[in-house]
Protein backbone atom coordinates (compact mmCIF):
# COMPACT_ATOMS: atom_id res chain seq x y z
CA UNK A 1 0.00 0.00 0.00
CA UNK A 2 1.42 3.37 -0.98
CA UNK A 3 0.66 6.55 0.85
CA UNK A 4 0.54 9.96 -0.78
CA UNK A 5 1.53 13.19 0.83
CA UNK A 6 -1.48 15.49 1.20
CA UNK A 7 -0.77 19.08 0.18
CA UNK A 8 -2.97 21.99 1.24
CA UNK A 9 -2.61 25.08 -0.90
CA UNK A 10 -4.29 28.35 -0.04
CA UNK A 11 -5.38 31.64 -1.51
CA UNK A 12 -5.03 33.73 1.64
CA UNK A 13 -2.41 36.09 0.16
CA UNK A 14 -4.47 36.65 -3.02
CA UNK A 15 -7.61 37.38 -1.04
CA UNK A 16 -5.82 39.63 1.44
CA UNK A 17 -4.03 41.65 -1.26
CA UNK A 18 -7.23 42.00 -3.31
CA UNK A 19 -8.80 43.69 -0.28
CA UNK A 20 -5.76 45.89 0.31
CA UNK A 21 -5.05 44.43 3.77
CA UNK A 22 -1.64 44.01 5.34
CA UNK A 23 -0.78 40.81 7.13
CA UNK A 24 -0.89 42.75 10.41
CA UNK A 25 -4.37 44.17 9.67
CA UNK A 26 -5.78 40.77 8.80
CA UNK A 27 -4.13 39.22 11.84
CA UNK A 28 -5.63 41.87 14.12
CA UNK A 29 -9.12 41.33 12.63
CA UNK A 30 -8.80 37.57 13.18
CA UNK A 31 -7.14 37.73 16.56
CA UNK A 32 -3.80 36.27 15.49
CA UNK A 33 -0.36 37.65 14.85
CA UNK A 34 1.10 38.93 11.58
CA UNK A 35 3.55 36.01 11.81
CA UNK A 36 0.67 33.52 11.88
CA UNK A 37 -0.82 35.05 8.72
CA UNK A 38 2.62 34.94 7.08
CA UNK A 39 3.09 31.30 8.05
CA UNK A 40 -0.36 30.36 6.68
CA UNK A 41 0.29 32.20 3.40
CA UNK A 42 3.61 30.43 2.97
CA UNK A 43 2.22 26.99 3.77
CA UNK A 44 4.24 26.53 6.96
CA UNK A 45 1.12 26.45 9.20
CA UNK A 46 -2.37 25.06 8.75
CA UNK A 47 -4.96 27.12 10.62
CA UNK A 48 -7.36 25.57 13.08
CA UNK A 49 -10.89 24.98 11.84
CA UNK A 50 -12.25 27.97 13.79
CA UNK A 51 -9.56 30.22 12.25
CA UNK A 52 -10.22 28.87 8.74
CA UNK A 53 -13.95 29.57 9.20
CA UNK A 54 -13.17 33.09 10.49
CA UNK A 55 -11.04 33.70 7.38
CA UNK A 56 -13.80 32.48 5.12
CA UNK A 57 -16.32 34.76 6.84
CA UNK A 58 -13.94 37.72 6.60
CA UNK A 59 -13.41 37.19 2.87
CA UNK A 60 -17.05 36.22 2.21
CA UNK A 61 -16.06 32.92 0.54
CA UNK A 62 -16.23 29.27 1.54
CA UNK A 63 -13.41 27.54 3.39
CA UNK A 64 -12.97 25.39 0.27
CA UNK A 65 -12.44 28.52 -1.81
CA UNK A 66 -9.48 29.45 0.37
CA UNK A 67 -7.93 26.04 1.12
CA UNK A 68 -7.49 23.51 -1.69
CA UNK A 69 -6.48 19.96 -0.85
CA UNK A 70 -4.34 18.10 -3.34
CA UNK A 71 -1.58 15.52 -3.27
CA UNK A 72 2.10 15.43 -4.08
CA UNK A 73 1.33 14.82 -7.78
CA UNK A 74 -0.49 18.15 -7.95
CA UNK A 75 2.52 20.17 -6.81
């Protein structure tokens, strides 16, 4: 049985920039640090479900529109 690496890509940076928000501003609105936003945008940190839902609400999109699950073949 082979196992595939699951990759989660996100559109946080695109959505944030389209709304002219800095990482710090978005972090403040969501109750997290600028560093957390940076880590999410760069794929170093996956947000908790409550944070992902808060992001979706902030951007008026679904969680699935922000976070796309793929596998190592999609990279």
